[in-house]
Protein backbone atom coordinates (compact mmCIF):
# COMPACT_ATOMS: atom_id res chain seq x y z
CA MET A 1 81.45 149.78 141.82
CA SER A 2 79.70 153.13 141.54
CA TYR A 3 79.83 156.41 139.69
CA GLY A 4 78.03 159.74 139.72
CA GLY A 5 78.30 163.45 139.09
CA ILE A 6 80.06 164.12 142.39
CA GLN A 7 83.17 162.20 141.38
CA THR A 8 86.44 164.02 140.80
CA ALA A 9 87.80 163.59 137.29
CA ARG A 10 90.83 161.30 137.07
CA LEU A 11 91.89 162.59 133.65
CA ASP A 12 91.41 165.98 131.99
CA ILE A 13 91.33 166.10 128.19
CA ARG A 14 91.92 169.68 127.07
CA TYR A 15 93.63 169.52 123.72
CA LEU A 16 93.85 165.93 122.48
CA ARG A 17 90.57 164.20 121.67
CA PHE A 18 91.92 160.65 121.76
CA LEU A 19 91.91 158.25 124.69
CA SER A 20 93.79 154.95 125.02
CA VAL A 21 92.47 152.76 127.81
CA GLY A 22 94.51 150.00 129.45
CA GLU A 23 93.09 146.59 130.24
CA VAL A 24 89.57 146.87 131.64
CA ALA A 25 87.83 143.73 132.89
CA CYS A 26 84.48 143.03 134.49
CA SER A 27 85.63 140.83 137.38
CA ASN A 28 88.11 143.38 138.77
CA GLY A 29 90.75 140.65 139.10
CA GLN A 30 88.50 138.12 140.85
CA ILE A 31 88.56 135.66 137.92
CA SER A 32 91.70 134.60 136.05
CA ALA A 33 92.58 132.20 133.24
CA THR A 34 93.23 129.48 135.83
CA SER A 35 90.08 129.98 137.93
CA ASP A 36 87.57 127.22 138.61
CA VAL A 37 83.90 127.38 139.55
CA SER A 38 84.75 128.15 143.19
CA ALA A 39 85.66 131.68 142.04
CA ILE A 40 82.01 132.24 141.12
CA SER A 41 80.80 131.14 144.53
CA SER A 42 83.07 133.68 146.21
CA ILE A 43 82.75 136.57 143.75
CA ASP A 44 82.02 139.99 145.28
CA LEU A 45 79.63 141.77 142.93
CA SER A 46 80.00 145.03 144.87
CA ILE A 47 83.49 145.52 143.41
CA ALA A 48 82.72 144.04 140.00
CA ASN A 49 82.32 146.01 136.78
CA PRO A 50 84.95 148.71 137.45
CA VAL A 51 85.24 151.55 134.96
CA PHE A 52 88.13 153.69 133.73
CA GLY A 53 87.50 157.34 134.51
CA PRO A 54 85.84 159.67 134.92
CA VAL A 55 87.45 161.72 132.14
CA TYR A 56 86.81 165.48 132.12
CA ILE A 57 86.42 166.77 128.56
CA GLN A 58 87.07 170.46 128.05
CA ASP A 59 84.15 172.53 126.63
CA ALA A 60 81.61 169.77 127.22
CA HIS A 61 78.41 171.22 128.69
CA PRO A 62 74.97 169.91 129.65
CA GLY A 63 72.78 169.79 126.57
CA ASP A 64 75.69 168.88 124.30
CA VAL A 65 76.27 165.39 122.92
CA LEU A 66 79.51 163.45 123.29
CA LYS A 67 80.38 161.57 120.12
CA VAL A 68 82.65 158.59 120.81
CA ASP A 69 84.31 156.78 117.90
CA VAL A 70 85.59 153.26 118.65
CA LEU A 71 88.93 153.15 116.82
CA ASP A 72 90.58 150.00 118.13
CA LEU A 73 89.87 147.16 120.56
CA GLU A 74 92.39 144.49 121.58
CA VAL A 75 91.30 141.44 123.57
CA ALA A 76 93.44 139.19 125.75
CA ASP A 77 94.12 135.56 124.81
CA TRP A 78 91.52 134.29 127.28
CA GLY A 79 88.07 135.09 128.56
CA TRP A 80 85.36 133.71 130.81
CA SER A 81 81.60 133.24 130.95
CA ALA A 82 79.60 132.24 133.99
CA VAL A 83 76.23 131.48 135.44
CA ILE A 84 76.13 133.51 138.66
CA PRO A 85 73.40 132.51 141.15
CA GLY A 86 70.79 135.25 141.51
CA PHE A 87 71.86 136.99 138.29
CA GLY A 88 70.63 136.69 134.70
CA LEU A 89 67.31 136.56 132.89
CA LEU A 90 66.51 133.04 134.15
CA ALA A 91 68.16 133.41 137.57
CA ASP A 92 65.42 131.46 139.37
CA GLU A 93 66.00 128.44 137.11
CA PHE A 94 69.80 128.26 137.48
CA PRO A 95 70.66 128.24 141.20
CA GLU A 96 74.05 126.53 140.78
CA PRO A 97 77.20 128.42 139.69
CA SER A 98 78.98 127.54 136.46
CA LEU A 99 82.19 128.85 134.88
CA TYR A 100 83.71 128.38 131.44
CA ILE A 101 87.23 129.65 130.63
CA TRP A 102 87.65 130.45 126.94
CA LYS A 103 90.84 130.39 124.90
CA LEU A 104 90.63 133.24 122.39
CA ASP A 105 92.25 132.62 119.00
CA ARG A 106 93.06 136.20 118.03
CA GLU A 107 94.75 135.18 114.78
CA HIS A 108 91.68 133.38 113.42
CA ASN A 109 89.18 135.54 115.33
CA TYR A 110 87.14 133.00 117.27
CA ALA A 111 86.68 131.33 120.65
CA LEU A 112 86.23 127.56 120.73
CA PHE A 113 83.60 125.90 122.92
CA LYS A 114 83.91 122.14 123.59
CA ASP A 115 85.89 121.24 120.46
CA ASN A 116 83.30 121.84 117.74
CA THR A 117 81.44 125.08 118.47
CA ARG A 118 83.14 128.27 117.43
CA ILE A 119 82.05 131.75 118.54
CA PRO A 120 83.28 134.60 116.29
CA LEU A 121 85.04 137.38 118.19
CA ARG A 122 83.42 140.80 118.03
CA PRO A 123 84.94 142.76 120.92
CA PHE A 124 83.33 145.81 122.47
CA LEU A 125 83.19 147.80 125.68
CA GLY A 126 80.12 146.78 127.63
CA CYS A 127 80.24 150.01 129.59
CA MET A 128 80.51 153.49 128.04
CA GLY A 129 78.80 156.51 129.49
CA VAL A 130 78.90 160.01 130.91
CA ALA A 131 77.95 161.03 134.44
CA PRO A 132 74.20 161.23 135.11
CA ALA A 133 72.81 164.49 136.46
CA THR A 134 72.76 163.39 140.09
CA ASP A 135 74.89 163.73 143.20
CA ASP A 136 74.07 160.16 144.22
CA ASP A 137 76.51 157.28 143.93
CA LEU A 138 75.09 154.93 141.30
CA SER A 139 75.99 151.30 140.71
CA THR A 140 77.76 150.63 137.42
CA ILE A 141 75.57 147.56 136.81
CA PRO A 142 72.31 149.12 135.49
CA PRO A 143 72.52 151.53 132.54
CA THR A 144 70.99 155.01 132.58
CA ASP A 145 69.90 157.52 129.94
CA ALA A 146 73.50 158.79 130.11
CA GLY A 147 74.84 155.39 129.04
CA GLY A 148 76.85 153.16 131.34
CA ASN A 149 76.55 149.38 131.32
CA MET A 150 74.70 149.18 127.99
CA ASP A 151 76.15 145.79 126.95
CA CYS A 152 75.36 146.46 123.29
CA SER A 153 77.32 144.12 121.05
CA MET A 154 76.94 146.47 118.08
CA LEU A 155 79.51 148.88 119.55
CA SER A 156 82.59 147.22 118.06
CA VAL A 157 85.44 148.78 116.07
CA GLY A 158 84.16 151.31 113.55
CA SER A 159 81.04 152.14 115.57
CA THR A 160 80.12 155.54 116.96
CA VAL A 161 78.25 156.16 120.22
CA TYR A 162 76.33 159.36 120.99
CA LEU A 163 75.87 160.21 124.68
CA PRO A 164 73.73 163.09 126.02
CA ILE A 165 75.94 165.20 128.30
CA GLN A 166 74.31 165.96 131.66
CA THR A 167 77.19 167.44 133.69
CA ALA A 168 80.03 169.89 133.03
CA GLY A 169 83.00 168.13 131.43
CA ALA A 170 80.85 165.09 130.54
CA LEU A 171 82.84 162.87 132.97
CA PHE A 172 83.17 159.94 130.58
CA SER A 173 83.85 156.42 131.87
CA CYS A 174 84.24 153.04 130.18
CA GLY A 175 84.97 149.43 131.05
CA ASP A 176 83.61 145.86 130.95
CA GLY A 177 85.62 144.34 128.09
CA HIS A 178 83.76 141.74 126.03
CA ALA A 179 85.19 139.47 123.32
CA ALA A 180 81.75 138.40 122.07
CA GLN A 181 78.14 138.59 123.18
CA GLY A 182 74.65 137.96 121.89
CA GLN A 183 72.07 140.73 122.02
CA GLY A 184 70.52 140.31 125.45
CA GLU A 185 73.47 138.79 127.39
CA VAL A 186 70.81 136.58 128.91
CA CYS A 187 72.84 134.58 131.45
CA GLY A 188 74.37 137.81 132.78
CA THR A 189 77.84 137.46 131.24
CA ALA A 190 79.35 137.66 127.78
CA ILE A 191 82.80 136.32 126.93
CA GLU A 192 84.36 138.62 129.50
CA THR A 193 87.98 139.53 128.78
CA PRO A 194 90.63 142.11 129.65
CA LEU A 195 90.46 144.62 126.81
CA ARG A 196 92.48 147.60 125.57
CA ALA A 197 90.62 150.36 123.77
CA THR A 198 91.38 153.45 121.70
CA LEU A 199 88.59 156.02 121.45
CA ARG A 200 88.13 159.43 119.82
CA PHE A 201 85.89 162.19 121.21
CA GLU A 202 83.98 165.03 119.60
CA ILE A 203 81.51 167.44 121.19
CA CYS A 204 78.36 167.92 119.13
CA LYS A 205 76.00 170.88 119.48
CA ASP A 206 72.31 171.13 118.61
CA GLN A 207 71.34 167.47 118.63
CA PRO A 208 68.19 167.59 120.80
CA TRP A 209 67.01 164.20 119.53
CA VAL A 210 69.79 162.46 121.48
CA ARG A 211 68.06 162.12 124.85
CA ALA A 212 69.48 158.67 125.57
CA PRO A 213 72.41 156.76 124.06
CA ALA A 214 72.37 156.33 120.28
CA TYR A 215 74.84 154.59 117.99
CA GLN A 216 75.88 154.15 114.39
CA THR A 217 77.58 151.03 113.02
CA PRO A 218 79.93 150.49 110.07
CA PRO A 219 78.83 148.58 106.95
CA SER A 220 78.62 144.85 107.62
CA SER A 221 81.17 144.27 104.85
CA LEU A 222 83.83 145.79 107.09
CA LEU A 223 83.18 143.34 109.94
CA ARG A 224 85.51 140.36 110.06
CA SER A 225 83.75 137.04 110.62
CA SER A 226 85.31 133.63 111.21
CA ILE A 227 82.20 131.60 110.38
CA SER A 228 80.24 131.08 107.19
CA ASP A 229 76.62 132.18 107.03
CA ARG A 230 74.46 129.06 107.24
CA GLY A 231 71.35 130.85 108.43
CA CYS A 232 69.90 130.69 111.91
CA TYR A 233 67.41 128.83 114.06
CA ALA A 234 65.04 131.01 116.09
CA ALA A 235 62.55 130.35 118.86
CA MET A 236 59.68 132.69 119.72
CA GLY A 237 58.11 133.58 123.02
CA VAL A 238 54.59 135.01 123.18
CA ASP A 239 53.22 136.79 126.24
CA SER A 240 51.40 139.93 127.35
CA ASP A 241 54.62 140.92 129.14
CA LEU A 242 57.78 141.54 127.07
CA VAL A 243 60.13 140.16 129.72
CA GLN A 244 58.10 136.97 130.06
CA ALA A 245 58.02 136.61 126.28
CA ALA A 246 61.81 136.95 126.23
CA LYS A 247 62.15 134.30 128.94
CA LYS A 248 59.98 131.89 126.95
CA ALA A 249 62.12 132.38 123.84
CA VAL A 250 65.34 131.78 125.78
CA ARG A 251 63.93 128.66 127.46
CA SER A 252 63.05 127.25 124.04
CA ILE A 253 66.54 127.93 122.67
CA ILE A 254 68.11 126.27 125.71
CA GLN A 255 65.91 123.19 125.25
CA TRP A 256 66.82 123.08 121.53
CA LEU A 257 70.55 123.28 122.30
CA VAL A 258 70.26 120.54 124.92
CA SER A 259 68.11 118.23 122.77
CA THR A 260 69.82 118.64 119.39
CA LYS A 261 73.42 119.60 120.24
CA GLY A 262 74.06 117.63 123.43
CA PHE A 263 74.95 120.52 125.73
CA SER A 264 74.09 120.64 129.42
CA ARG A 265 71.51 123.23 130.47
CA SER A 266 74.14 125.54 131.97
CA GLU A 267 76.30 125.25 128.83
CA ALA A 268 73.28 126.03 126.66
CA TYR A 269 72.44 129.04 128.86
CA ILE A 270 75.98 130.39 128.44
CA LEU A 271 75.87 129.83 124.66
CA ALA A 272 72.53 131.63 124.46
CA SER A 273 74.18 134.56 126.24
CA VAL A 274 77.29 134.79 124.04
CA ALA A 275 75.78 133.90 120.63
CA GLY A 276 71.97 134.15 120.75
CA ASN A 277 70.22 137.37 119.77
CA LEU A 278 66.98 138.58 121.34
CA GLU A 279 64.69 140.84 119.33
CA ILE A 280 61.14 142.11 119.51
CA VAL A 281 59.29 140.57 116.58
CA GLU A 282 55.84 142.07 117.16
CA ALA A 283 54.67 144.87 119.47
CA VAL A 284 51.27 145.95 118.12
CA ASN A 285 48.94 142.94 118.19
CA MET A 286 47.65 143.55 121.70
CA PRO A 287 47.44 142.10 124.21
CA ASN A 288 50.39 139.83 123.31
CA TYR A 289 53.97 140.54 122.29
CA GLU A 290 56.37 138.30 120.40
CA VAL A 291 60.08 138.07 121.20
CA ALA A 292 62.47 135.82 119.28
CA MET A 293 65.90 134.49 120.08
CA SER A 294 67.88 133.60 116.96
CA PHE A 295 70.95 131.40 116.91
CA PRO A 296 73.56 131.25 114.08
CA LEU A 297 73.91 127.73 112.68
CA GLY A 298 77.39 128.36 111.28
CA ILE A 299 79.02 128.12 114.71
CA PHE A 300 78.39 124.37 114.96
CA GLY A 301 80.21 121.36 113.53
CA TRP A 302 83.56 121.20 111.79
CA ASP A 303 83.11 124.24 109.58
CA TRP A 304 85.81 125.99 111.65
CA PHE A 305 88.28 123.14 110.95
CA LEU A 306 87.75 123.38 107.19
CA ASP A 307 88.14 127.16 107.24
CA ARG A 308 91.35 127.05 109.24
CA TYR A 309 93.20 124.09 107.73
CA THR A 310 91.94 123.85 104.15
CA GLY A 311 90.91 127.38 103.28
CA PHE A 312 87.46 126.10 102.27
CA SER A 313 84.21 126.82 104.04
CA PHE A 314 81.59 124.17 104.79
CA ASP A 315 79.48 125.53 101.94
CA ALA A 316 82.41 125.52 99.50
CA VAL A 317 83.23 121.89 100.29
CA GLY A 318 79.57 121.00 99.71
CA VAL A 319 79.68 122.57 96.26
CA ILE A 320 82.89 120.68 95.41
CA LEU A 321 81.45 117.34 96.55
CA ARG A 322 78.25 117.87 94.56
CA ALA A 323 80.32 118.67 91.47
CA VAL A 324 82.44 115.53 91.95
CA PHE A 325 79.36 113.33 92.29
CA TYR A 326 77.64 114.95 89.31
CA PHE A 327 80.57 114.61 86.94
CA GLY A 328 81.36 111.14 88.29
CA PHE A 329 77.82 109.95 87.53
CA ALA A 330 77.87 111.62 84.12
CA SER A 331 81.19 109.94 83.24
CA SER A 332 79.97 106.52 84.33
CA GLU A 333 76.94 106.88 82.07
CA LYS A 334 79.17 107.58 79.07
CA LEU A 335 81.52 104.68 79.85
CA PHE A 336 79.03 102.01 80.85
CA GLY A 337 75.79 103.23 79.35
CA ARG A 338 74.30 103.72 82.77
CA ARG A 339 74.98 105.60 85.96
CA ILE A 340 76.58 103.70 88.79
């Protein structure tokens, strides 16, 4: 799919500053809840990543900033993740297609992977942007300094996005519904899902520092999580090139997931994409850079079962068991003169 400044607006917002968007999905109908891996082999990327819009916003002018508040996001009850040949950070190392269909538990706010790995849902629109200052048709896959396919998992409910307006009316578009994603989306897909969104617009004047997309997030206390915090495991990549450093970090995480958790390489690659977070750790000690991929440990094991069916977290059960053992040993010492 493509967009650009030459497009005719499909919706004109003159008085109301709210926008409700129907189901937007990355595959454009090419993948469904019943699809198998053959759908990946036949996928047409030229029609993938459709966007809703463009929306003409009255009184929006070049040099202004469009403030977009994310008010509500509603995911479907299913999603998908895939390894698509030729796409992704490690495309050369994963030539075979792979597809995983997720069942999304909206009540308990997680997606389950292979019985005992639970990914917390944090939905967001992968694509939000205004029209770039060009008459060319541009693919919706790469982002620009006007936004677009940013794939930033921080842009969930309660977040605000600031977009530098480059054309009259802004011509806002959005799409690419995600149920969850790690920072980096390294295999090329998140948990892709049909998603409904409610957004609010405001035109801001005199914000010259917004030359590319910027965002603000709500306090972490307002974010709903379905897993307990058990820390993370992280792998570092070191290289004179940031992209190569990132690749090294991702390779190490994949090897760790395969060796310690029993996943296949393609499964580990998908998990790294939906739950692992890439970050630059060091950028000044030339000539090398350090990039880390961190992975939350709370998604593994039967912590999700305890949360759902007992109301206790893994950590809470551990505290209870330690208390039982402690008082049991103390009681045995009083009764028998020694600990049993």
